[in-house]
PDB file of N, CA and C in Angstrom:
ATOM      1  N   MET A   1     -16.084   0.747 -26.746  1.00  0.00           N
ATOM      2  CA  MET A   1     -16.228   2.191 -27.022  1.00  0.00           C
ATOM      3  C   MET A   1     -15.825   3.003 -25.778  1.00  0.00           C
ATOM      4  N   THR A   2     -15.022   3.960 -25.968  1.00  0.00           N
ATOM      5  CA  THR A   2     -14.525   4.752 -24.870  1.00  0.00           C
ATOM      6  C   THR A   2     -15.641   5.790 -24.470  1.00  0.00           C
ATOM      7  N   SER A   3     -15.446   6.410 -23.290  1.00  0.00           N
ATOM      8  CA  SER A   3     -16.389   7.440 -22.905  1.00  0.00           C
ATOM      9  C   SER A   3     -16.382   8.612 -23.917  1.00  0.00           C
ATOM     10  N   GLN A   4     -15.260   8.939 -24.496  1.00  0.00           N
ATOM     11  CA  GLN A   4     -15.180  10.041 -25.449  1.00  0.00           C
ATOM     12  C   GLN A   4     -15.940   9.623 -26.746  1.00  0.00           C
ATOM     13  N   GLU A   5     -15.731   8.405 -27.177  1.00  0.00           N
ATOM     14  CA  GLU A   5     -16.398   7.931 -28.407  1.00  0.00           C
ATOM     15  C   GLU A   5     -17.899   7.974 -28.189  1.00  0.00           C
ATOM     16  N   LEU A   6     -18.344   7.547 -27.063  1.00  0.00           N
ATOM     17  CA  LEU A   6     -19.798   7.462 -26.714  1.00  0.00           C
ATOM     18  C   LEU A   6     -20.318   8.925 -26.687  1.00  0.00           C
ATOM     19  N   GLU A   7     -19.599   9.763 -26.017  1.00  0.00           N
ATOM     20  CA  GLU A   7     -19.959  11.155 -25.869  1.00  0.00           C
ATOM     21  C   GLU A   7     -20.077  11.846 -27.275  1.00  0.00           C
ATOM     22  N   ASP A   8     -19.106  11.579 -28.152  1.00  0.00           N
ATOM     23  CA  ASP A   8     -19.155  12.139 -29.525  1.00  0.00           C
ATOM     24  C   ASP A   8     -20.336  11.612 -30.187  1.00  0.00           C
ATOM     25  N   TRP A   9     -20.599  10.304 -30.135  1.00  0.00           N
ATOM     26  CA  TRP A   9     -21.740   9.699 -30.832  1.00  0.00           C
ATOM     27  C   TRP A   9     -23.080  10.260 -30.362  1.00  0.00           C
ATOM     28  N   LEU A  10     -23.148  10.573 -29.071  1.00  0.00           N
ATOM     29  CA  LEU A  10     -24.374  11.162 -28.467  1.00  0.00           C
ATOM     30  C   LEU A  10     -24.685  12.537 -29.037  1.00  0.00           C
ATOM     31  N   LYS A  11     -23.703  13.168 -29.632  1.00  0.00           N
ATOM     32  CA  LYS A  11     -23.877  14.482 -30.201  1.00  0.00           C
ATOM     33  C   LYS A  11     -24.360  14.444 -31.677  1.00  0.00           C
ATOM     34  N   THR A  12     -24.416  13.218 -32.231  1.00  0.00           N
ATOM     35  CA  THR A  12     -24.829  13.068 -33.661  1.00  0.00           C
ATOM     36  C   THR A  12     -26.398  13.090 -33.790  1.00  0.00           C
ATOM     37  N   ASN A  13     -26.805  13.435 -35.014  1.00  0.00           N
ATOM     38  CA  ASN A  13     -28.272  13.370 -35.288  1.00  0.00           C
ATOM     39  C   ASN A  13     -28.788  11.894 -35.120  1.00  0.00           C
ATOM     40  N   GLU A  14     -28.011  10.986 -35.534  1.00  0.00           N
ATOM     41  CA  GLU A  14     -28.418   9.545 -35.439  1.00  0.00           C
ATOM     42  C   GLU A  14     -28.826   9.185 -33.977  1.00  0.00           C
ATOM     43  N   SER A  15     -27.938   9.588 -33.096  1.00  0.00           N
ATOM     44  CA  SER A  15     -28.262   9.263 -31.667  1.00  0.00           C
ATOM     45  C   SER A  15     -29.466   9.985 -31.104  1.00  0.00           C
ATOM     46  N   THR A  16     -29.693  11.173 -31.533  1.00  0.00           N
ATOM     47  CA  THR A  16     -30.771  12.013 -30.968  1.00  0.00           C
ATOM     48  C   THR A  16     -32.122  11.760 -31.639  1.00  0.00           C
ATOM     49  N   SER A  17     -32.090  11.096 -32.786  1.00  0.00           N
ATOM     50  CA  SER A  17     -33.323  10.892 -33.528  1.00  0.00           C
ATOM     51  C   SER A  17     -33.890   9.464 -33.500  1.00  0.00           C
ATOM     52  N   SER A  18     -33.289   8.562 -32.713  1.00  0.00           N
ATOM     53  CA  SER A  18     -33.810   7.169 -32.672  1.00  0.00           C
ATOM     54  C   SER A  18     -34.145   6.799 -31.205  1.00  0.00           C
ATOM     55  N   GLY A  19     -35.053   5.941 -31.143  1.00  0.00           N
ATOM     56  CA  GLY A  19     -35.397   5.387 -29.771  1.00  0.00           C
ATOM     57  C   GLY A  19     -36.738   5.968 -29.210  1.00  0.00           C
ATOM     58  N   TRP A  20     -37.124   5.532 -28.082  1.00  0.00           N
ATOM     59  CA  TRP A  20     -38.349   5.813 -27.482  1.00  0.00           C
ATOM     60  C   TRP A  20     -38.163   7.208 -26.754  1.00  0.00           C
ATOM     61  N   SER A  21     -39.059   8.165 -26.989  1.00  0.00           N
ATOM     62  CA  SER A  21     -39.063   9.385 -26.317  1.00  0.00           C
ATOM     63  C   SER A  21     -39.447   9.266 -24.879  1.00  0.00           C
ATOM     64  N   LYS A  22     -38.846  10.094 -24.032  1.00  0.00           N
ATOM     65  CA  LYS A  22     -39.209  10.084 -22.626  1.00  0.00           C
ATOM     66  C   LYS A  22     -40.583  10.796 -22.460  1.00  0.00           C
ATOM     67  N   ASP A  23     -41.262  10.544 -21.339  1.00  0.00           N
ATOM     68  CA  ASP A  23     -42.555  11.096 -21.137  1.00  0.00           C
ATOM     69  C   ASP A  23     -42.502  12.504 -20.560  1.00  0.00           C
ATOM     70  N   ASP A  24     -41.319  13.060 -20.368  1.00  0.00           N
ATOM     71  CA  ASP A  24     -41.240  14.363 -19.711  1.00  0.00           C
ATOM     72  C   ASP A  24     -41.242  15.548 -20.618  1.00  0.00           C
ATOM     73  N   GLY A  25     -41.506  15.319 -21.881  1.00  0.00           N
ATOM     74  CA  GLY A  25     -41.623  16.440 -22.894  1.00  0.00           C
ATOM     75  C   GLY A  25     -40.306  17.040 -23.324  1.00  0.00           C
ATOM     76  N   SER A  26     -39.198  16.437 -22.874  1.00  0.00           N
ATOM     77  CA  SER A  26     -37.915  17.074 -23.166  1.00  0.00           C
ATOM     78  C   SER A  26     -37.491  16.774 -24.652  1.00  0.00           C
ATOM     79  N   GLY A  27     -38.078  15.748 -25.225  1.00  0.00           N
ATOM     80  CA  GLY A  27     -37.676  15.384 -26.575  1.00  0.00           C
ATOM     81  C   GLY A  27     -36.502  14.372 -26.561  1.00  0.00           C
ATOM     82  N   GLU A  28     -35.859  14.223 -25.498  1.00  0.00           N
ATOM     83  CA  GLU A  28     -34.722  13.289 -25.414  1.00  0.00           C
ATOM     84  C   GLU A  28     -35.217  11.835 -25.296  1.00  0.00           C
ATOM     85  N   THR A  29     -34.544  10.887 -25.955  1.00  0.00           N
ATOM     86  CA  THR A  29     -34.958   9.531 -25.957  1.00  0.00           C
ATOM     87  C   THR A  29     -34.441   8.914 -24.619  1.00  0.00           C
ATOM     88  N   ILE A  30     -35.049   7.803 -24.251  1.00  0.00           N
ATOM     89  CA  ILE A  30     -34.609   7.043 -23.089  1.00  0.00           C
ATOM     90  C   ILE A  30     -33.227   6.568 -23.184  1.00  0.00           C
ATOM     91  N   GLY A  31     -32.875   6.077 -24.418  1.00  0.00           N
ATOM     92  CA  GLY A  31     -31.542   5.547 -24.679  1.00  0.00           C
ATOM     93  C   GLY A  31     -30.463   6.568 -24.626  1.00  0.00           C
ATOM     94  N   HIS A  32     -30.860   7.791 -25.139  1.00  0.00           N
ATOM     95  CA  HIS A  32     -29.903   8.895 -25.156  1.00  0.00           C
ATOM     96  C   HIS A  32     -29.604   9.341 -23.692  1.00  0.00           C
ATOM     97  N   GLU A  33     -30.575   9.419 -22.956  1.00  0.00           N
ATOM     98  CA  GLU A  33     -30.381   9.727 -21.471  1.00  0.00           C
ATOM     99  C   GLU A  33     -29.492   8.685 -20.785  1.00  0.00           C
ATOM    100  N   SER A  34     -29.855   7.373 -21.105  1.00  0.00           N
ATOM    101  CA  SER A  34     -28.999   6.300 -20.584  1.00  0.00           C
ATOM    102  C   SER A  34     -27.553   6.428 -21.034  1.00  0.00           C
ATOM    103  N   GLY A  35     -27.375   6.759 -22.316  1.00  0.00           N
ATOM    104  CA  GLY A  35     -26.013   6.949 -22.773  1.00  0.00           C
ATOM    105  C   GLY A  35     -25.212   8.018 -22.093  1.00  0.00           C
ATOM    106  N   ARG A  36     -25.933   9.081 -21.774  1.00  0.00           N
ATOM    107  CA  ARG A  36     -25.265  10.176 -21.083  1.00  0.00           C
ATOM    108  C   ARG A  36     -24.837   9.720 -19.656  1.00  0.00           C
ATOM    109  N   HIS A  37     -25.727   8.894 -19.084  1.00  0.00           N
ATOM    110  CA  HIS A  37     -25.448   8.352 -17.767  1.00  0.00           C
ATOM    111  C   HIS A  37     -24.178   7.430 -17.744  1.00  0.00           C
ATOM    112  N   ILE A  38     -24.124   6.665 -18.800  1.00  0.00           N
ATOM    113  CA  ILE A  38     -22.981   5.760 -18.959  1.00  0.00           C
ATOM    114  C   ILE A  38     -21.715   6.582 -19.158  1.00  0.00           C
ATOM    115  N   VAL A  39     -21.719   7.609 -19.902  1.00  0.00           N
ATOM    116  CA  VAL A  39     -20.612   8.526 -20.037  1.00  0.00           C
ATOM    117  C   VAL A  39     -20.095   9.053 -18.705  1.00  0.00           C
ATOM    118  N   GLU A  40     -21.058   9.471 -17.886  1.00  0.00           N
ATOM    119  CA  GLU A  40     -20.732   9.990 -16.577  1.00  0.00           C
ATOM    120  C   GLU A  40     -20.099   8.851 -15.729  1.00  0.00           C
ATOM    121  N   ILE A  41     -20.623   7.722 -15.732  1.00  0.00           N
ATOM    122  CA  ILE A  41     -20.091   6.566 -15.021  1.00  0.00           C
ATOM    123  C   ILE A  41     -18.610   6.265 -15.458  1.00  0.00           C
ATOM    124  N   LEU A  42     -18.382   6.191 -16.776  1.00  0.00           N
ATOM    125  CA  LEU A  42     -17.077   5.919 -17.310  1.00  0.00           C
ATOM    126  C   LEU A  42     -16.075   7.068 -16.955  1.00  0.00           C
ATOM    127  N   LYS A  43     -16.533   8.275 -17.070  1.00  0.00           N
ATOM    128  CA  LYS A  43     -15.561   9.389 -16.747  1.00  0.00           C
ATOM    129  C   LYS A  43     -15.234   9.416 -15.245  1.00  0.00           C
ATOM    130  N   LYS A  44     -16.142   9.200 -14.321  1.00  0.00           N
ATOM    131  CA  LYS A  44     -15.775   9.289 -12.949  1.00  0.00           C
ATOM    132  C   LYS A  44     -14.997   8.074 -12.376  1.00  0.00           C
ATOM    133  N   ASN A  45     -15.053   7.041 -13.166  1.00  0.00           N
ATOM    134  CA  ASN A  45     -14.307   5.793 -12.749  1.00  0.00           C
ATOM    135  C   ASN A  45     -13.634   5.190 -13.919  1.00  0.00           C
ATOM    136  N   PRO A  46     -12.645   5.861 -14.520  1.00  0.00           N
ATOM    137  CA  PRO A  46     -11.971   5.353 -15.753  1.00  0.00           C
ATOM    138  C   PRO A  46     -11.211   4.089 -15.570  1.00  0.00           C
ATOM    139  N   ASP A  47     -10.753   3.792 -14.288  1.00  0.00           N
ATOM    140  CA  ASP A  47     -10.001   2.597 -14.110  1.00  0.00           C
ATOM    141  C   ASP A  47     -10.877   1.441 -13.641  1.00  0.00           C
ATOM    142  N   LYS A  48     -12.167   1.654 -13.663  1.00  0.00           N
ATOM    143  CA  LYS A  48     -13.130   0.646 -13.348  1.00  0.00           C
ATOM    144  C   LYS A  48     -12.931  -0.082 -12.012  1.00  0.00           C
ATOM    145  N   VAL A  49     -12.556   0.776 -11.046  1.00  0.00           N
ATOM    146  CA  VAL A  49     -12.312   0.243  -9.623  1.00  0.00           C
ATOM    147  C   VAL A  49     -13.682   0.000  -9.055  1.00  0.00           C
ATOM    148  N   PRO A  50     -13.978  -1.253  -8.613  1.00  0.00           N
ATOM    149  CA  PRO A  50     -15.305  -1.514  -8.051  1.00  0.00           C
ATOM    150  C   PRO A  50     -15.774  -0.567  -7.023  1.00  0.00           C
ATOM    151  N   SER A  51     -14.975  -0.169  -6.128  1.00  0.00           N
ATOM    152  CA  SER A  51     -15.356   0.824  -5.106  1.00  0.00           C
ATOM    153  C   SER A  51     -15.631   2.199  -5.629  1.00  0.00           C
ATOM    154  N   GLY A  52     -15.314   2.438  -6.823  1.00  0.00           N
ATOM    155  CA  GLY A  52     -15.522   3.754  -7.443  1.00  0.00           C
ATOM    156  C   GLY A  52     -16.952   4.005  -8.035  1.00  0.00           C
ATOM    157  N   TYR A  53     -17.766   3.014  -7.913  1.00  0.00           N
ATOM    158  CA  TYR A  53     -19.164   3.101  -8.398  1.00  0.00           C
ATOM    159  C   TYR A  53     -20.051   3.459  -7.178  1.00  0.00           C
ATOM    160  N   ASP A  54     -21.100   4.286  -7.419  1.00  0.00           N
ATOM    161  CA  ASP A  54     -22.004   4.500  -6.347  1.00  0.00           C
ATOM    162  C   ASP A  54     -23.213   3.549  -6.428  1.00  0.00           C
ATOM    163  N   GLU A  55     -24.181   3.705  -5.563  1.00  0.00           N
ATOM    164  CA  GLU A  55     -25.297   2.766  -5.546  1.00  0.00           C
ATOM    165  C   GLU A  55     -26.259   2.894  -6.690  1.00  0.00           C
ATOM    166  N   GLU A  56     -26.158   3.991  -7.476  1.00  0.00           N
ATOM    167  CA  GLU A  56     -27.029   4.149  -8.622  1.00  0.00           C
ATOM    168  C   GLU A  56     -26.342   3.593  -9.867  1.00  0.00           C
ATOM    169  N   ASP A  57     -25.012   3.497  -9.891  1.00  0.00           N
ATOM    170  CA  ASP A  57     -24.209   3.058 -11.080  1.00  0.00           C
ATOM    171  C   ASP A  57     -24.454   1.595 -11.455  1.00  0.00           C
ATOM    172  N   ILE A  58     -24.309   0.751 -10.531  1.00  0.00           N
ATOM    173  CA  ILE A  58     -24.341  -0.744 -10.756  1.00  0.00           C
ATOM    174  C   ILE A  58     -25.725  -1.104 -11.297  1.00  0.00           C
ATOM    175  N   PRO A  59     -26.840  -0.701 -10.787  1.00  0.00           N
ATOM    176  CA  PRO A  59     -28.153  -1.069 -11.365  1.00  0.00           C
ATOM    177  C   PRO A  59     -28.306  -0.569 -12.793  1.00  0.00           C
ATOM    178  N   HIS A  60     -27.809   0.667 -13.038  1.00  0.00           N
ATOM    179  CA  HIS A  60     -27.914   1.223 -14.371  1.00  0.00           C
ATOM    180  C   HIS A  60     -26.985   0.418 -15.420  1.00  0.00           C
ATOM    181  N   MET A  61     -25.764   0.035 -14.958  1.00  0.00           N
ATOM    182  CA  MET A  61     -24.961  -0.704 -15.827  1.00  0.00           C
ATOM    183  C   MET A  61     -25.563  -2.081 -16.104  1.00  0.00           C
ATOM    184  N   ARG A  62     -26.176  -2.728 -15.072  1.00  0.00           N
ATOM    185  CA  ARG A  62     -26.939  -4.005 -15.308  1.00  0.00           C
ATOM    186  C   ARG A  62     -28.067  -3.834 -16.270  1.00  0.00           C
ATOM    187  N   LYS A  63     -28.731  -2.812 -16.156  1.00  0.00           N
ATOM    188  CA  LYS A  63     -29.913  -2.526 -17.028  1.00  0.00           C
ATOM    189  C   LYS A  63     -29.376  -2.360 -18.511  1.00  0.00           C
ATOM    190  N   VAL A  64     -28.265  -1.685 -18.733  1.00  0.00           N
ATOM    191  CA  VAL A  64     -27.739  -1.543 -20.032  1.00  0.00           C
ATOM    192  C   VAL A  64     -27.246  -2.857 -20.598  1.00  0.00           C
ATOM    193  N   VAL A  65     -26.558  -3.575 -19.770  1.00  0.00           N
ATOM    194  CA  VAL A  65     -26.035  -4.896 -20.167  1.00  0.00           C
ATOM    195  C   VAL A  65     -27.192  -5.782 -20.635  1.00  0.00           C
ATOM    196  N   SER A  66     -28.326  -5.880 -19.740  1.00  0.00           N
ATOM    197  CA  SER A  66     -29.479  -6.676 -20.118  1.00  0.00           C
ATOM    198  C   SER A  66     -30.098  -6.226 -21.424  1.00  0.00           C
ATOM    199  N   TYR A  67     -30.159  -4.893 -21.648  1.00  0.00           N
ATOM    200  CA  TYR A  67     -30.750  -4.382 -22.882  1.00  0.00           C
ATOM    201  C   TYR A  67     -29.888  -4.828 -24.098  1.00  0.00           C
ATOM    202  N   CYS A  68     -28.599  -4.657 -23.981  1.00  0.00           N
ATOM    203  CA  CYS A  68     -27.730  -5.094 -25.073  1.00  0.00           C
ATOM    204  C   CYS A  68     -27.838  -6.541 -25.331  1.00  0.00           C
ATOM    205  N   LYS A  69     -27.782  -7.369 -24.289  1.00  0.00           N
ATOM    206  CA  LYS A  69     -27.916  -8.815 -24.449  1.00  0.00           C
ATOM    207  C   LYS A  69     -29.144  -9.233 -25.190  1.00  0.00           C
ATOM    208  N   ARG A  70     -30.242  -8.663 -24.696  1.00  0.00           N
ATOM    209  CA  ARG A  70     -31.545  -8.939 -25.263  1.00  0.00           C
ATOM    210  C   ARG A  70     -31.622  -8.538 -26.785  1.00  0.00           C
ATOM    211  N   HIS A  71     -31.150  -7.319 -27.144  1.00  0.00           N
ATOM    212  CA  HIS A  71     -31.223  -6.886 -28.527  1.00  0.00           C
ATOM    213  C   HIS A  71     -30.224  -7.603 -29.366  1.00  0.00           C
ATOM    214  N   LEU A  72     -29.107  -7.996 -28.829  1.00  0.00           N
ATOM    215  CA  LEU A  72     -28.184  -8.810 -29.692  1.00  0.00           C
ATOM    216  C   LEU A  72     -28.758 -10.167 -30.015  1.00  0.00           C
ATOM    217  N   ALA A  73     -29.502 -10.773 -29.002  1.00  0.00           N
ATOM    218  CA  ALA A  73     -30.078 -12.043 -29.228  1.00  0.00           C
ATOM    219  C   ALA A  73     -31.162 -11.920 -30.264  1.00  0.00           C
ATOM    220  N   GLN A  74     -31.906 -10.833 -30.272  1.00  0.00           N
ATOM    221  CA  GLN A  74     -33.010 -10.616 -31.256  1.00  0.00           C
ATOM    222  C   GLN A  74     -32.395 -10.411 -32.656  1.00  0.00           C
ATOM    223  N   GLU A  75     -31.277  -9.747 -32.736  1.00  0.00           N
ATOM    224  CA  GLU A  75     -30.641  -9.498 -33.975  1.00  0.00           C
ATOM    225  C   GLU A  75     -30.069 -10.872 -34.590  1.00  0.00           C
ATOM    226  N   GLU A  76     -29.557 -11.688 -33.727  1.00  0.00           N
ATOM    227  CA  GLU A  76     -29.094 -12.963 -34.179  1.00  0.00           C
ATOM    228  C   GLU A  76     -30.250 -13.861 -34.678  1.00  0.00           C
ATOM    229  N   LYS A  77     -31.398 -13.829 -33.971  1.00  0.00           N
ATOM    230  CA  LYS A  77     -32.510 -14.606 -34.389  1.00  0.00           C
ATOM    231  C   LYS A  77     -33.062 -14.041 -35.768  1.00  0.00           C
ATOM    232  N   ALA A  78     -33.052 -12.754 -35.923  1.00  0.00           N
ATOM    233  CA  ALA A  78     -33.436 -12.213 -37.244  1.00  0.00           C
ATOM    234  C   ALA A  78     -32.544 -12.595 -38.344  1.00  0.00           C
ATOM    235  N   LYS A  79     -31.255 -12.689 -38.106  1.00  0.00           N
ATOM    236  CA  LYS A  79     -30.277 -13.198 -39.088  1.00  0.00           C
ATOM    237  C   LYS A  79     -30.577 -14.613 -39.414  1.00  0.00           C
ATOM    238  N   GLN A  80     -30.862 -15.419 -38.430  1.00  0.00           N
ATOM    239  CA  GLN A  80     -31.100 -16.857 -38.672  1.00  0.00           C
ATOM    240  C   GLN A  80     -32.422 -17.022 -39.482  1.00  0.00           C
ATOM    241  N   ASP A  81     -33.404 -16.189 -39.165  1.00  0.00           N
ATOM    242  CA  ASP A  81     -34.691 -16.242 -39.880  1.00  0.00           C
ATOM    243  C   ASP A  81     -34.480 -15.901 -41.330  1.00  0.00           C
ATOM    244  N   VAL A  82     -33.667 -14.857 -41.659  1.00  0.00           N
ATOM    245  CA  VAL A  82     -33.394 -14.486 -43.052  1.00  0.00           C
ATOM    246  C   VAL A  82     -32.654 -15.638 -43.770  1.00  0.00           C
ATOM    247  N   GLU A  83     -31.691 -16.257 -43.043  1.00  0.00           N
ATOM    248  CA  GLU A  83     -30.985 -17.352 -43.680  1.00  0.00           C
ATOM    249  C   GLU A  83     -31.878 -18.515 -43.992  1.00  0.00           C
ATOM    250  N   ARG A  84     -32.824 -18.835 -43.131  1.00  0.00           N
ATOM    251  CA  ARG A  84     -33.795 -19.880 -43.313  1.00  0.00           C
ATOM    252  C   ARG A  84     -34.689 -19.538 -44.512  1.00  0.00           C
ATOM    253  N   MET A  85     -35.177 -18.278 -44.616  1.00  0.00           N
ATOM    254  CA  MET A  85     -35.998 -17.957 -45.737  1.00  0.00           C
ATOM    255  C   MET A  85     -35.229 -18.007 -47.050  1.00  0.00           C
ATOM    256  N   THR A  86     -34.022 -17.614 -46.995  1.00  0.00           N
ATOM    257  CA  THR A  86     -33.099 -17.612 -48.222  1.00  0.00           C
ATOM    258  C   THR A  86     -33.009 -19.067 -48.660  1.00  0.00           C
ATOM    259  N   LEU A  87     -32.721 -19.972 -47.756  1.00  0.00           N
ATOM    260  CA  LEU A  87     -32.535 -21.441 -48.071  1.00  0.00           C
ATOM    261  C   LEU A  87     -33.816 -21.991 -48.650  1.00  0.00           C
ATOM    262  N   ASN A  88     -34.968 -21.528 -48.189  1.00  0.00           N
ATOM    263  CA  ASN A  88     -36.204 -22.111 -48.662  1.00  0.00           C
ATOM    264  C   ASN A  88     -36.524 -21.563 -50.062  1.00  0.00           C
ATOM    265  N   ILE A  89     -35.959 -20.391 -50.422  1.00  0.00           N
ATOM    266  CA  ILE A  89     -36.260 -19.856 -51.726  1.00  0.00           C
ATOM    267  C   ILE A  89     -35.433 -20.600 -52.788  1.00  0.00           C
ATOM    268  N   TYR A  90     -34.279 -21.056 -52.472  1.00  0.00           N
ATOM    269  CA  TYR A  90     -33.418 -21.704 -53.480  1.00  0.00           C
ATOM    270  C   TYR A  90     -33.594 -23.159 -53.445  1.00  0.00           C
TER     271      TYR A  90
END
């Protein structure tokens, strides 16, 4: 996903209405704020030059990668559970 695609998606109702709300009363979700941060990172360093990241960028990118990895693993497990249940029914 490009920075523009992510930025466009962040403007949709789907992106603003899902996820955990922040505790600051803003109504923005944690994931939405994280997405905006990723857009900023992608725009300021479009060529992904390692020296183009600042000391806040790398930890945030690692956090996002960990989140994605964890949720993709959960999704795969859920698919396997459904397949097992389906096999047990037939």
